[in-house]
Amino acid sequence: MQYDEKQTVARDASPIYESNAPEHMSAGRYIATRIPTLKPPMAKTPNPIKLLGTLNLQHWLFFLVAFFAWSWDAFDFFTVSLTVTDLAKDFKKTNTDITWGITLVLMFRSVGATIFGIAADRYGRKWPFVVNNILFIVLELGTGFCQNYKQFLAVRALFGVAMGGLYGNAAATALEDCPEAARGILSGMLQQGYAFGYLLATVFARGLVNTTKHTWRPLFWFGACPPVLIIIFRLCLPETLAYKERVAVRHANGSLTSTFISEGKVALKRHWLLLIYMVLLMAGFNFMSHGSQDLYPTMLTNQYNFSANAVTVTQVVANLGAMTGGTVVGYCSQIFGRRFSIIFISIIGGALLYPYTFVGSKSVIAAAFFEQFCVQGAWGVIPIHLMELSPGSFRTFVVGTTYQLGNLISSASSTIESRIGERYPLPPKGKTKRYQYGIVICIFMGCVYAYVIILTLIGPEYRGKMFGAAHDSDLAEATGHEAMAAVLHRRERMGGPDDSSDEGAHEKRTHVNRETV
């Protein structure tokens, strides 16, 4: 359904429609609103400490189980990146051959996002999450026991399916029930689980790789252990309240499956253009992260002659900057808006590209810290931005699949940079060919930043969107107002939670952008 301005008052007074139901507008008018709607709302937000204090125990437990799972997902991914040379030696292949194991993971992640995303939206967040982590255990152990190259590729391809299934579920679990004012900072903290996982992988690789006769294998065997604890953790927690409410509406409509299919038809009919936009946006963001990170260690060693230890220190400092930036900018997006925060930090990141890529001394550590502060600062807004843009009935599927499709599109980033870099040779060092990778990364990232800024500018923003079924007009259209009203009436009689009853929620809803792509 689309509503014009005359219906706005009736819509806000009704508990049935989502808080950001977009008003119908022409393409011309939509374009004309892009600059005015970029103005920061300057929303009053408590300081971070006080804000985190508004979370109850269940909010914290949901966030922590999602954070730990996402961090270990990243750990498992980087185990191959950190052992390429050892794997190549054991399987008698080149380093390039081994990197196909990484490429296959990136290629199959979108498959996992689709399968596990639909499962989580239909059957709940809990059990797909558990199955996902069981697969991590099996596949990390399987990688550690691979005896040849073909087995290695097969196992890593399956790992890509498992890895792709986690992101959307983790975002929904962590953010679906949390207080609206805390979404920004929790989004930033959740996203930086990826950088935290990289740091853990770096530390444990130092302690487990080539310290026994099994060379690289203990790192993968160890990687299979923490998911056992994560599974136990998740089994001790219930489904999210937002999902329970949605299931209650589906039950009231008579058939869970037919209602779920009807919701899918409504979501596709109403939001197909928005879904395409989200994939294109995530392609830009993934180009941003891969373009700034994947070839950077090679640039430091090949172009600037950094030692292995110097590269490790620079990478660790850069990841600390990433974790800081994601949390800070995620928090600020609650005040200044999602789109404004992304655009502002992208402009700063673009300004820092020169020192990030052209400083050849140890001083580049500072540039690396602040560049990754900007890159992952923009990323810190993404989990909640995608959650707020997504149709409620398919939140896990849309968040995970758009993210992973963007990842698939950008998977060739390092190859593109490497091939272009070969056109800018430097004097060789002995038998080692050297190239000016810095100029390529700088130009590539400048183009990516411009793309992200433009796409964010023209896109919508639904900051403050309510996630409960009571505010989902898609669900109301799919199930009928009678089923929705019956569930809401039952919830009110039982004194159940209502995310529209938070202090100041009505005022927040009146400031939410009501726009459509």
Protein backbone atom coordinates (compact mmCIF):
# COMPACT_ATOMS: atom_id res chain seq x y z
CA MET A 1 0.00 0.00 0.00
CA GLN A 2 1.06 3.61 -0.57
CA TYR A 3 -0.43 6.53 1.32
CA ASP A 4 -0.64 10.20 0.41
CA GLU A 5 -0.11 13.08 2.82
CA LYS A 6 -3.81 13.34 3.71
CA GLN A 7 -3.61 9.87 5.23
CA THR A 8 -0.51 10.61 7.33
CA VAL A 9 -2.40 11.53 10.49
CA ALA A 10 -4.63 8.46 10.30
CA ARG A 11 -1.61 6.26 9.68
CA ASP A 12 0.36 7.63 12.65
CA ALA A 13 -2.65 7.21 14.92
CA SER A 14 -3.09 3.56 13.95
CA PRO A 15 -0.92 0.78 15.42
CA ILE A 16 -1.19 -1.26 12.24
CA TYR A 17 1.19 0.48 9.85
CA GLU A 18 4.96 0.58 10.02
CA SER A 19 6.35 3.85 11.27
CA ASN A 20 8.09 4.71 8.04
CA ALA A 21 5.45 3.75 5.50
CA PRO A 22 6.59 5.82 2.50
CA GLU A 23 4.27 8.34 0.98
CA HIS A 24 3.61 8.00 -2.72
CA MET A 25 5.61 10.50 -4.75
CA SER A 26 6.77 10.97 -8.30
CA ALA A 27 10.35 10.28 -9.36
CA GLY A 28 10.93 14.00 -9.86
CA ARG A 29 9.73 14.90 -6.40
CA TYR A 30 11.77 12.08 -4.88
CA ILE A 31 14.94 13.38 -6.53
CA ALA A 32 14.15 16.89 -5.30
CA THR A 33 14.01 15.64 -1.70
CA ARG A 34 17.49 14.02 -1.70
CA ILE A 35 19.39 17.09 -0.53
CA PRO A 36 16.80 18.43 1.98
CA THR A 37 16.39 15.02 3.65
CA LEU A 38 20.17 14.83 4.11
CA LYS A 39 19.99 17.54 6.76
CA PRO A 40 21.07 16.01 10.11
CA PRO A 41 18.07 15.53 12.40
CA MET A 42 20.29 16.25 15.44
CA ALA A 43 18.30 13.73 17.44
CA LYS A 44 18.82 13.91 21.18
CA THR A 45 20.77 10.80 22.11
CA PRO A 46 22.24 9.97 25.56
CA ASN A 47 25.98 9.55 25.89
CA PRO A 48 27.20 6.05 24.90
CA ILE A 49 27.58 4.78 28.47
CA LYS A 50 24.09 5.87 29.47
CA LEU A 51 22.75 4.55 26.17
CA LEU A 52 24.21 1.08 26.70
CA GLY A 53 22.73 1.18 30.19
CA THR A 54 19.23 1.21 28.66
CA LEU A 55 19.73 -2.36 27.44
CA ASN A 56 18.25 -5.06 29.63
CA LEU A 57 19.86 -8.46 30.20
CA GLN A 58 18.11 -10.12 27.28
CA HIS A 59 19.18 -7.33 24.90
CA TRP A 60 22.80 -7.83 25.97
CA LEU A 61 22.63 -11.60 25.61
CA PHE A 62 21.16 -11.36 22.11
CA PHE A 63 23.85 -8.87 21.13
CA LEU A 64 26.71 -10.88 22.60
CA VAL A 65 25.74 -14.20 21.01
CA ALA A 66 25.45 -12.44 17.63
CA PHE A 67 28.76 -10.60 18.12
CA PHE A 68 30.66 -13.74 19.12
CA ALA A 69 29.23 -15.71 16.19
CA TRP A 70 30.03 -12.96 13.67
CA SER A 71 33.56 -12.57 15.10
CA TRP A 72 34.24 -16.29 14.85
CA ASP A 73 32.76 -16.35 11.36
CA ALA A 74 35.47 -13.83 10.42
CA PHE A 75 38.11 -15.87 12.28
CA ASP A 76 37.24 -18.97 10.27
CA PHE A 77 37.37 -17.00 7.02
CA PHE A 78 40.83 -15.54 7.69
CA THR A 79 42.37 -18.88 8.68
CA VAL A 80 43.04 -19.55 4.99
CA SER A 81 44.33 -16.03 4.28
CA LEU A 82 46.88 -16.40 7.06
CA THR A 83 48.13 -19.85 5.99
CA VAL A 84 48.27 -19.54 2.20
CA THR A 85 51.99 -20.30 1.98
CA ASP A 86 51.76 -23.33 4.25
CA LEU A 87 48.73 -24.71 2.42
CA ALA A 88 50.46 -24.27 -0.94
CA LYS A 89 53.53 -26.14 0.30
CA ASP A 90 51.48 -29.02 1.76
CA PHE A 91 49.23 -29.44 -1.29
CA LYS A 92 52.10 -28.79 -3.75
CA LYS A 93 50.27 -25.87 -5.36
CA THR A 94 51.01 -22.19 -5.95
CA ASN A 95 49.78 -19.43 -3.65
CA THR A 96 47.41 -18.33 -6.41
CA ASP A 97 45.89 -21.83 -6.51
CA ILE A 98 45.23 -21.69 -2.77
CA THR A 99 43.55 -18.29 -3.01
CA TRP A 100 40.83 -20.02 -5.04
CA GLY A 101 39.73 -21.38 -1.68
CA ILE A 102 39.08 -17.78 -0.63
CA THR A 103 37.35 -16.94 -3.92
CA LEU A 104 35.01 -19.94 -3.60
CA VAL A 105 33.99 -18.80 -0.12
CA LEU A 106 33.09 -15.36 -1.50
CA MET A 107 31.19 -16.88 -4.42
CA PHE A 108 29.05 -19.26 -2.33
CA ARG A 109 28.24 -16.83 0.49
CA SER A 110 25.20 -15.48 -1.38
CA VAL A 111 23.85 -19.06 -1.63
CA GLY A 112 24.08 -19.45 2.13
CA ALA A 113 22.51 -16.04 2.73
CA THR A 114 19.50 -17.04 0.62
CA ILE A 115 19.02 -20.47 2.21
CA PHE A 116 19.55 -19.50 5.84
CA GLY A 117 17.89 -16.11 5.44
CA ILE A 118 14.61 -17.61 4.22
CA ALA A 119 14.84 -20.30 6.92
CA ALA A 120 15.35 -17.70 9.66
CA ASP A 121 12.42 -15.57 8.46
CA ARG A 122 10.13 -18.61 8.20
CA TYR A 123 11.21 -20.84 11.11
CA GLY A 124 12.83 -18.38 13.52
CA ARG A 125 16.25 -16.94 14.26
CA LYS A 126 17.29 -19.62 16.75
CA TRP A 127 17.54 -22.95 14.93
CA PRO A 128 19.02 -21.72 11.63
CA PHE A 129 21.63 -19.96 13.79
CA VAL A 130 22.41 -23.23 15.58
CA VAL A 131 22.60 -25.24 12.32
CA ASN A 132 24.85 -22.56 10.87
CA ASN A 133 27.35 -22.95 13.70
CA ILE A 134 27.20 -26.75 13.53
CA LEU A 135 28.32 -26.42 9.91
CA PHE A 136 31.20 -24.20 11.02
CA ILE A 137 32.38 -26.96 13.36
CA VAL A 138 32.15 -29.68 10.71
CA LEU A 139 33.76 -27.65 7.93
CA GLU A 140 36.62 -26.22 9.98
CA LEU A 141 37.45 -29.73 11.18
CA GLY A 142 37.08 -30.95 7.61
CA THR A 143 39.52 -28.32 6.36
CA GLY A 144 42.04 -29.41 8.97
CA PHE A 145 41.82 -33.01 7.78
CA CYS A 146 41.98 -32.34 4.02
CA GLN A 147 44.58 -34.50 2.31
CA ASN A 148 44.62 -32.96 -1.16
CA TYR A 149 43.79 -29.78 -3.06
CA LYS A 150 40.43 -30.96 -4.44
CA GLN A 151 39.17 -31.82 -0.96
CA PHE A 152 40.31 -28.41 0.24
CA LEU A 153 38.38 -26.56 -2.49
CA ALA A 154 35.24 -28.64 -1.89
CA VAL A 155 35.24 -28.01 1.85
CA ARG A 156 35.88 -24.28 1.46
CA ALA A 157 33.05 -23.97 -1.07
CA LEU A 158 30.68 -25.51 1.50
CA PHE A 159 32.15 -23.21 4.13
CA GLY A 160 31.13 -20.29 1.93
CA VAL A 161 27.50 -21.43 2.15
CA ALA A 162 27.72 -21.60 5.96
CA MET A 163 29.51 -18.26 6.27
CA GLY A 164 26.99 -16.49 4.05
CA GLY A 165 24.08 -17.64 6.19
CA LEU A 166 25.19 -15.99 9.42
CA TYR A 167 25.32 -12.23 8.80
CA GLY A 168 21.62 -11.53 8.35
CA ASN A 169 20.65 -13.73 11.29
CA ALA A 170 23.29 -12.14 13.54
CA ALA A 171 22.08 -8.63 12.65
CA ALA A 172 18.44 -9.55 13.32
CA THR A 173 19.28 -11.28 16.60
CA ALA A 174 21.38 -8.38 17.88
CA LEU A 175 19.26 -5.43 16.75
CA GLU A 176 15.65 -6.54 16.34
CA ASP A 177 14.59 -6.09 19.97
CA CYS A 178 17.07 -3.45 21.19
CA PRO A 179 15.89 0.06 22.17
CA GLU A 180 15.59 2.33 19.14
CA ALA A 181 18.02 4.92 20.53
CA ALA A 182 20.73 2.27 21.00
CA ARG A 183 20.54 0.88 17.47
CA GLY A 184 23.32 3.04 16.04
CA ILE A 185 26.00 2.21 18.56
CA LEU A 186 25.08 -1.49 18.67
CA SER A 187 25.17 -1.60 14.87
CA GLY A 188 28.70 -0.20 14.89
CA MET A 189 29.83 -2.57 17.62
CA LEU A 190 28.31 -5.59 15.87
CA GLN A 191 29.92 -4.83 12.51
CA GLN A 192 33.36 -4.61 14.09
CA GLY A 193 33.11 -8.22 15.14
CA TYR A 194 34.62 -8.82 11.70
CA ALA A 195 37.76 -6.80 12.53
CA PHE A 196 37.88 -8.44 15.96
CA GLY A 197 37.77 -11.86 14.32
CA TYR A 198 40.71 -10.89 12.12
CA LEU A 199 42.72 -9.85 15.16
CA LEU A 200 41.93 -13.15 16.88
CA ALA A 201 42.94 -15.09 13.77
CA THR A 202 46.25 -13.19 13.61
CA VAL A 203 47.02 -13.91 17.27
CA PHE A 204 46.13 -17.61 17.17
CA ALA A 205 47.92 -18.12 13.84
CA ARG A 206 51.08 -16.91 15.52
CA GLY A 207 50.63 -19.43 18.32
CA LEU A 208 49.29 -22.47 16.42
CA VAL A 209 50.76 -22.44 12.89
CA ASN A 210 54.11 -24.22 12.45
CA THR A 211 54.49 -24.83 16.19
CA THR A 212 53.83 -28.58 15.90
CA LYS A 213 54.48 -31.29 13.32
CA HIS A 214 50.95 -30.68 11.97
CA THR A 215 52.00 -27.24 10.63
CA TRP A 216 48.84 -25.29 9.61
CA ARG A 217 46.19 -27.83 10.67
CA PRO A 218 45.92 -26.99 14.42
CA LEU A 219 44.60 -23.50 13.55
CA PHE A 220 41.60 -25.05 11.79
CA TRP A 221 41.05 -27.69 14.46
CA PHE A 222 41.03 -24.96 17.09
CA GLY A 223 38.64 -22.91 14.94
CA ALA A 224 36.04 -25.66 15.31
CA CYS A 225 35.93 -25.40 19.12
CA PRO A 226 34.38 -21.99 20.07
CA PRO A 227 31.23 -22.56 17.93
CA VAL A 228 30.31 -25.32 20.40
CA LEU A 229 30.09 -22.68 23.13
CA ILE A 230 28.24 -20.29 20.83
CA ILE A 231 25.65 -22.98 20.08
CA ILE A 232 25.11 -23.66 23.81
CA PHE A 233 24.82 -19.90 24.38
CA ARG A 234 22.15 -19.54 21.67
CA LEU A 235 20.20 -22.59 22.88
CA CYS A 236 19.80 -20.90 26.25
CA LEU A 237 18.08 -17.89 24.64
CA PRO A 238 14.54 -17.61 23.24
CA GLU A 239 13.38 -16.26 19.91
CA THR A 240 13.38 -12.48 19.51
CA LEU A 241 10.17 -10.72 20.56
CA ALA A 242 9.79 -9.17 17.11
CA TYR A 243 9.80 -12.61 15.48
CA LYS A 244 7.38 -14.07 18.07
CA GLU A 245 4.93 -11.27 17.37
CA ARG A 246 5.14 -11.90 13.63
CA VAL A 247 4.49 -15.64 14.12
CA ALA A 248 1.44 -14.84 16.25
CA VAL A 249 -0.03 -12.82 13.37
CA ARG A 250 0.68 -15.66 10.93
CA HIS A 251 -1.04 -18.15 13.27
CA ALA A 252 -4.05 -15.86 13.57
CA ASN A 253 -4.30 -15.84 9.78
CA GLY A 254 -4.62 -19.64 9.73
CA SER A 255 -1.60 -20.97 7.83
CA LEU A 256 2.02 -20.15 8.55
CA THR A 257 3.36 -21.23 5.16
CA SER A 258 0.69 -19.63 2.96
CA THR A 259 0.91 -16.41 4.97
CA PHE A 260 4.70 -16.40 4.64
CA ILE A 261 4.38 -16.81 0.86
CA SER A 262 1.81 -14.01 0.73
CA GLU A 263 4.17 -11.75 2.66
CA GLY A 264 6.89 -12.54 0.10
CA LYS A 265 4.63 -11.54 -2.79
CA VAL A 266 3.70 -8.27 -1.10
CA ALA A 267 7.33 -7.48 -0.26
CA LEU A 268 8.51 -8.19 -3.82
CA LYS A 269 5.69 -6.15 -5.36
CA ARG A 270 6.27 -3.14 -3.12
CA HIS A 271 10.03 -3.15 -2.61
CA TRP A 272 11.70 -4.72 -5.68
CA LEU A 273 13.41 -1.46 -6.67
CA LEU A 274 14.63 -0.90 -3.11
CA LEU A 275 16.12 -4.41 -3.03
CA ILE A 276 18.09 -3.71 -6.21
CA TYR A 277 19.32 -0.46 -4.69
CA MET A 278 20.50 -2.28 -1.55
CA VAL A 279 22.53 -4.78 -3.62
CA LEU A 280 24.20 -1.93 -5.52
CA LEU A 281 24.91 -0.10 -2.26
CA MET A 282 26.48 -3.19 -0.71
CA ALA A 283 28.60 -3.72 -3.82
CA GLY A 284 30.06 -0.26 -3.22
CA PHE A 285 30.68 -0.94 0.46
CA ASN A 286 32.37 -4.26 -0.25
CA PHE A 287 34.54 -2.65 -2.92
CA MET A 288 35.45 -0.10 -0.23
CA SER A 289 36.60 -2.68 2.30
CA HIS A 290 38.27 -5.11 -0.12
CA GLY A 291 39.81 -2.31 -2.17
CA SER A 292 41.42 -0.71 0.87
CA GLN A 293 42.49 -3.90 2.65
CA ASP A 294 43.17 -6.92 0.42
CA LEU A 295 46.22 -5.67 -1.51
CA TYR A 296 47.46 -3.31 1.19
CA PRO A 297 49.89 -5.79 2.86
CA THR A 298 51.29 -6.58 -0.59
CA MET A 299 51.82 -2.87 -1.21
CA LEU A 300 53.69 -2.49 2.09
CA THR A 301 56.03 -5.42 1.43
CA ASN A 302 56.48 -5.11 -2.34
CA GLN A 303 56.53 -1.35 -2.88
CA TYR A 304 57.79 -0.06 0.47
CA ASN A 305 59.90 -3.05 1.61
CA PHE A 306 58.16 -3.51 4.98
CA SER A 307 59.21 -6.55 7.00
CA ALA A 308 56.64 -9.19 7.97
CA ASN A 309 56.56 -7.87 11.54
CA ALA A 310 56.08 -4.29 10.35
CA VAL A 311 53.19 -5.37 8.14
CA THR A 312 51.59 -7.25 11.04
CA VAL A 313 51.86 -4.23 13.34
CA THR A 314 50.39 -1.93 10.67
CA GLN A 315 47.50 -4.32 10.06
CA VAL A 316 46.74 -4.68 13.76
CA VAL A 317 46.73 -0.89 14.24
CA ALA A 318 44.51 -0.49 11.16
CA ASN A 319 42.03 -2.99 12.59
CA LEU A 320 41.99 -1.17 15.91
CA GLY A 321 41.12 1.96 13.94
CA ALA A 322 38.39 -0.01 12.18
CA MET A 323 36.85 -1.18 15.46
CA THR A 324 36.96 2.35 16.87
CA GLY A 325 35.50 3.93 13.75
CA GLY A 326 32.63 1.50 13.42
CA THR A 327 31.51 2.09 16.99
CA VAL A 328 31.91 5.90 16.90
CA VAL A 329 30.25 6.50 13.53
CA GLY A 330 27.51 3.96 14.27
CA TYR A 331 26.68 5.94 17.41
CA CYS A 332 26.84 9.26 15.54
CA SER A 333 24.41 7.97 12.89
CA GLN A 334 21.74 7.96 15.58
CA ILE A 335 22.25 11.71 15.96
CA PHE A 336 23.11 12.88 12.45
CA GLY A 337 21.26 10.27 10.39
CA ARG A 338 22.43 7.19 8.48
CA ARG A 339 22.98 8.79 5.08
CA PHE A 340 24.71 11.92 6.37
CA SER A 341 27.08 9.87 8.55
CA ILE A 342 28.06 7.58 5.65
CA ILE A 343 28.65 10.47 3.26
CA PHE A 344 30.59 12.58 5.77
CA ILE A 345 32.98 9.81 6.83
CA SER A 346 33.45 8.74 3.18
CA ILE A 347 34.60 12.26 2.30
CA ILE A 348 37.11 12.17 5.19
CA GLY A 349 38.29 8.72 4.07
CA GLY A 350 38.84 10.01 0.54
CA ALA A 351 40.93 12.89 1.87
CA LEU A 352 43.17 10.41 3.73
CA LEU A 353 43.91 8.23 0.71
CA TYR A 354 47.12 10.03 -0.21
CA PRO A 355 48.98 9.44 3.08
CA TYR A 356 47.45 5.93 3.28
CA THR A 357 49.00 4.90 -0.03
CA PHE A 358 51.98 7.23 -0.64
CA VAL A 359 53.75 7.32 2.73
CA GLY A 360 56.50 4.70 2.65
CA SER A 361 57.82 5.03 6.19
CA LYS A 362 56.58 3.60 9.47
CA SER A 363 54.51 6.79 9.85
CA VAL A 364 51.96 5.18 7.56
CA ILE A 365 50.64 3.41 10.65
CA ALA A 366 48.80 6.58 11.65
CA ALA A 367 47.27 6.91 8.18
CA ALA A 368 46.27 3.23 8.26
CA PHE A 369 44.51 3.72 11.62
CA PHE A 370 42.46 6.70 10.43
CA GLU A 371 41.74 5.35 6.92
CA GLN A 372 40.30 2.16 8.36
CA PHE A 373 38.52 4.29 10.98
CA CYS A 374 36.70 5.89 8.02
CA VAL A 375 36.14 2.71 5.99
CA GLN A 376 34.76 0.71 8.89
CA GLY A 377 33.11 3.83 10.31
CA ALA A 378 30.89 3.89 7.24
CA TRP A 379 30.42 0.12 7.61
CA GLY A 380 29.34 0.58 11.23
CA VAL A 381 26.11 2.18 10.01
CA ILE A 382 25.33 -0.67 7.61
CA PRO A 383 23.76 -3.37 9.85
CA ILE A 384 21.06 -1.06 11.19
CA HIS A 385 20.66 0.83 7.90
CA LEU A 386 19.96 -2.44 6.07
CA MET A 387 17.66 -3.62 8.89
CA GLU A 388 15.61 -0.41 8.66
CA LEU A 389 15.41 -0.52 4.86
CA SER A 390 14.41 -4.20 4.71
CA PRO A 391 10.81 -5.47 4.52
CA GLY A 392 9.94 -6.76 7.99
CA SER A 393 8.81 -10.22 6.92
CA PHE A 394 12.10 -10.96 5.13
CA ARG A 395 14.53 -8.96 7.23
CA THR A 396 17.10 -11.71 7.74
CA PHE A 397 16.99 -12.80 4.10
CA VAL A 398 17.25 -9.28 2.67
CA VAL A 399 20.03 -8.09 5.00
CA GLY A 400 22.13 -11.22 4.46
CA THR A 401 21.52 -11.65 0.73
CA THR A 402 22.07 -8.02 -0.28
CA TYR A 403 25.29 -7.97 1.75
CA GLN A 404 26.58 -11.20 0.22
CA LEU A 405 25.57 -10.33 -3.35
CA GLY A 406 27.48 -7.08 -2.93
CA ASN A 407 30.40 -9.16 -1.69
CA LEU A 408 30.17 -11.38 -4.76
CA ILE A 409 30.21 -8.38 -7.10
CA SER A 410 33.29 -6.96 -5.37
CA SER A 411 35.19 -10.24 -5.02
CA ALA A 412 37.55 -9.35 -7.86
CA SER A 413 38.76 -6.14 -6.18
CA SER A 414 42.26 -7.33 -5.34
CA THR A 415 42.66 -8.97 -8.76
CA ILE A 416 41.66 -5.73 -10.51
CA GLU A 417 44.10 -3.70 -8.41
CA SER A 418 46.89 -6.24 -8.86
CA ARG A 419 46.51 -6.40 -12.65
CA ILE A 420 46.41 -2.61 -13.02
CA GLY A 421 49.38 -2.30 -10.64
CA GLU A 422 51.48 -4.40 -13.00
CA ARG A 423 51.29 -1.53 -15.49
CA TYR A 424 53.29 0.65 -13.08
CA PRO A 425 56.57 -1.24 -12.53
CA LEU A 426 59.35 -0.23 -10.14
CA PRO A 427 63.02 -1.27 -10.22
CA PRO A 428 63.16 -4.94 -9.11
CA LYS A 429 64.67 -6.00 -5.82
CA GLY A 430 66.89 -8.92 -6.78
CA LYS A 431 64.61 -11.34 -8.59
CA THR A 432 61.45 -9.86 -7.08
CA LYS A 433 59.36 -7.69 -9.39
CA ARG A 434 58.02 -4.53 -7.78
CA TYR A 435 55.02 -2.38 -8.66
CA GLN A 436 53.45 0.94 -7.66
CA TYR A 437 50.39 -0.57 -5.99
CA GLY A 438 49.89 2.62 -3.95
CA ILE A 439 48.76 4.76 -6.87
CA VAL A 440 46.34 2.05 -8.02
CA ILE A 441 44.77 1.63 -4.56
CA CYS A 442 44.48 5.41 -4.26
CA ILE A 443 42.71 5.88 -7.61
CA PHE A 444 40.54 2.77 -7.17
CA MET A 445 39.41 3.84 -3.70
CA GLY A 446 38.75 7.39 -4.86
CA CYS A 447 36.32 6.03 -7.45
CA VAL A 448 34.71 3.72 -4.88
CA TYR A 449 34.22 6.54 -2.38
CA ALA A 450 32.59 8.68 -5.08
CA TYR A 451 30.27 5.80 -6.00
CA VAL A 452 29.25 5.19 -2.37
CA ILE A 453 28.64 8.89 -1.75
CA ILE A 454 26.44 9.26 -4.84
CA LEU A 455 24.48 6.08 -4.17
CA THR A 456 23.94 6.97 -0.51
CA LEU A 457 22.81 10.46 -1.51
CA ILE A 458 20.12 9.21 -3.88
CA GLY A 459 18.93 6.42 -1.55
CA PRO A 460 16.28 6.42 1.19
CA GLU A 461 16.69 6.37 4.95
CA TYR A 462 14.25 4.96 7.50
CA ARG A 463 16.03 5.87 10.72
CA GLY A 464 13.78 5.06 13.69
CA LYS A 465 11.67 2.45 11.90
CA MET A 466 9.77 0.23 14.32
CA PHE A 467 10.52 -3.49 13.86
CA GLY A 468 7.44 -4.97 15.54
CA ALA A 469 4.68 -6.65 13.52
CA ALA A 470 2.28 -3.98 14.77
CA HIS A 471 4.00 -1.43 12.53
CA ASP A 472 4.43 -3.57 9.40
CA SER A 473 2.03 -2.54 6.65
CA ASP A 474 3.34 -5.35 4.41
CA LEU A 475 2.25 -7.91 6.99
CA ALA A 476 -1.09 -6.16 7.41
CA GLU A 477 -1.73 -6.36 3.68
CA ALA A 478 -0.70 -10.04 3.50
CA THR A 479 -2.66 -11.25 6.53
CA GLY A 480 -5.56 -8.83 6.66
CA HIS A 481 -6.26 -6.20 9.25
CA GLU A 482 -8.49 -8.55 11.24
CA ALA A 483 -5.66 -10.98 12.03
CA MET A 484 -3.35 -8.11 12.92
CA ALA A 485 -5.94 -6.45 15.15
CA ALA A 486 -6.70 -9.73 16.94
CA VAL A 487 -3.05 -10.27 17.84
CA LEU A 488 -2.59 -6.67 18.96
CA HIS A 489 -5.71 -6.87 21.11
CA ARG A 490 -4.50 -10.11 22.70
CA ARG A 491 -1.09 -8.58 23.36
CA GLU A 492 -2.63 -5.52 25.03
CA ARG A 493 -4.78 -7.72 27.30
CA MET A 494 -1.69 -9.70 28.33
CA GLY A 495 0.39 -6.57 28.85
CA GLY A 496 2.88 -7.65 26.16
CA PRO A 497 5.67 -5.48 24.81
CA ASP A 498 4.94 -2.72 22.35
CA ASP A 499 7.84 -1.06 20.67
CA SER A 500 5.68 1.93 19.94
CA SER A 501 5.23 2.64 23.64
CA ASP A 502 8.84 3.61 24.33
CA GLU A 503 9.29 7.09 25.73
CA GLY A 504 9.30 9.56 22.88
CA ALA A 505 8.50 6.89 20.28
CA HIS A 506 5.60 8.86 18.84
CA GLU A 507 7.75 11.96 18.47
CA LYS A 508 10.49 9.89 16.81
CA ARG A 509 8.03 8.42 14.33
CA THR A 510 6.92 11.84 13.19
CA HIS A 511 10.53 12.63 12.18
CA VAL A 512 11.22 9.43 10.28
CA ASN A 513 11.78 9.96 6.58
CA ARG A 514 8.73 8.81 4.67
CA GLU A 515 10.14 8.28 1.24
CA THR A 516 10.40 5.63 -1.42
CA VAL A 517 12.88 4.73 -4.11
